[in-house]
Amino acid sequence: MYCKHCYHDGKFTDSEITFHNVKTRGLAIIYQLNTSVIKKHFMQLFYPGVLKRPTRWRKIK
């Protein structure tokens, strides 16, 4: 499963994006969320691990 920022209408929005760039973009989106500081902290902490679950990023270390 991919987020709406990365996957739309059955294809990746940027097929050439690197894992590092996706991670950076995702962390920035989390930072901008209208939620508590503690919730943001945990989301940012666990985001890289969750990001590696899709097939596209599984080989990244």
Protein backbone atom coordinates (compact mmCIF):
# COMPACT_ATOMS: atom_id res chain seq x y z
CA MET A 1 0.00 0.00 0.00
CA TYR A 2 1.29 3.44 -0.93
CA CYS A 3 0.20 6.90 0.15
CA LYS A 4 -1.69 9.29 -2.11
CA HIS A 5 1.44 11.42 -2.48
CA CYS A 6 3.44 8.55 -4.02
CA TYR A 7 0.86 6.47 -5.90
CA HIS A 8 -2.10 7.72 -7.92
CA ASP A 9 -4.34 6.17 -10.58
CA GLY A 10 -2.44 2.87 -10.55
CA LYS A 11 1.06 4.30 -11.00
CA PHE A 12 3.82 5.98 -9.04
CA THR A 13 3.74 9.76 -9.15
CA ASP A 14 7.55 9.79 -9.51
CA SER A 15 8.92 6.45 -10.73
CA GLU A 16 12.56 7.62 -10.40
CA ILE A 17 12.40 8.81 -6.78
CA THR A 18 14.91 7.25 -4.39
CA PHE A 19 14.18 5.74 -0.99
CA HIS A 20 16.02 8.61 0.69
CA ASN A 21 13.90 11.20 -1.14
CA VAL A 22 10.66 9.38 -0.28
CA LYS A 23 11.71 9.19 3.35
CA THR A 24 12.61 12.89 3.43
CA ARG A 25 9.34 13.86 1.77
CA GLY A 26 7.30 11.67 4.12
CA LEU A 27 8.98 13.02 7.23
CA ALA A 28 8.26 16.58 6.04
CA ILE A 29 4.58 15.69 5.53
CA ILE A 30 4.40 14.19 9.02
CA TYR A 31 5.98 17.35 10.46
CA GLN A 32 3.22 19.45 8.88
CA LEU A 33 0.34 17.35 10.22
CA ASN A 34 -2.10 19.01 12.58
CA THR A 35 -1.61 16.59 15.48
CA SER A 36 0.19 16.40 18.82
CA VAL A 37 3.96 16.63 19.10
CA ILE A 38 4.13 13.17 20.69
CA LYS A 39 2.12 11.60 17.86
CA LYS A 40 4.37 13.27 15.27
CA HIS A 41 7.45 12.03 17.11
CA PHE A 42 6.30 8.41 17.03
CA MET A 43 5.18 8.67 13.41
CA GLN A 44 8.61 10.04 12.43
CA LEU A 45 10.34 7.36 14.48
CA PHE A 46 8.50 4.44 12.88
CA TYR A 47 8.01 5.84 9.37
CA PRO A 48 11.28 4.52 7.85
CA GLY A 49 10.49 0.96 8.98
CA VAL A 50 6.95 1.14 7.64
CA LEU A 51 8.25 2.62 4.40
CA LYS A 52 10.39 -0.47 3.77
CA ARG A 53 7.36 -2.80 3.75
CA PRO A 54 6.22 -2.22 0.14
CA THR A 55 7.96 -4.40 -2.46
CA ARG A 56 9.57 -1.38 -4.10
CA TRP A 57 11.74 -0.63 -1.03
CA ARG A 58 12.30 -4.03 0.59
CA LYS A 59 15.93 -4.38 -0.55
CA ILE A 60 16.96 -1.01 0.91
CA LYS A 61 19.10 -1.21 4.07
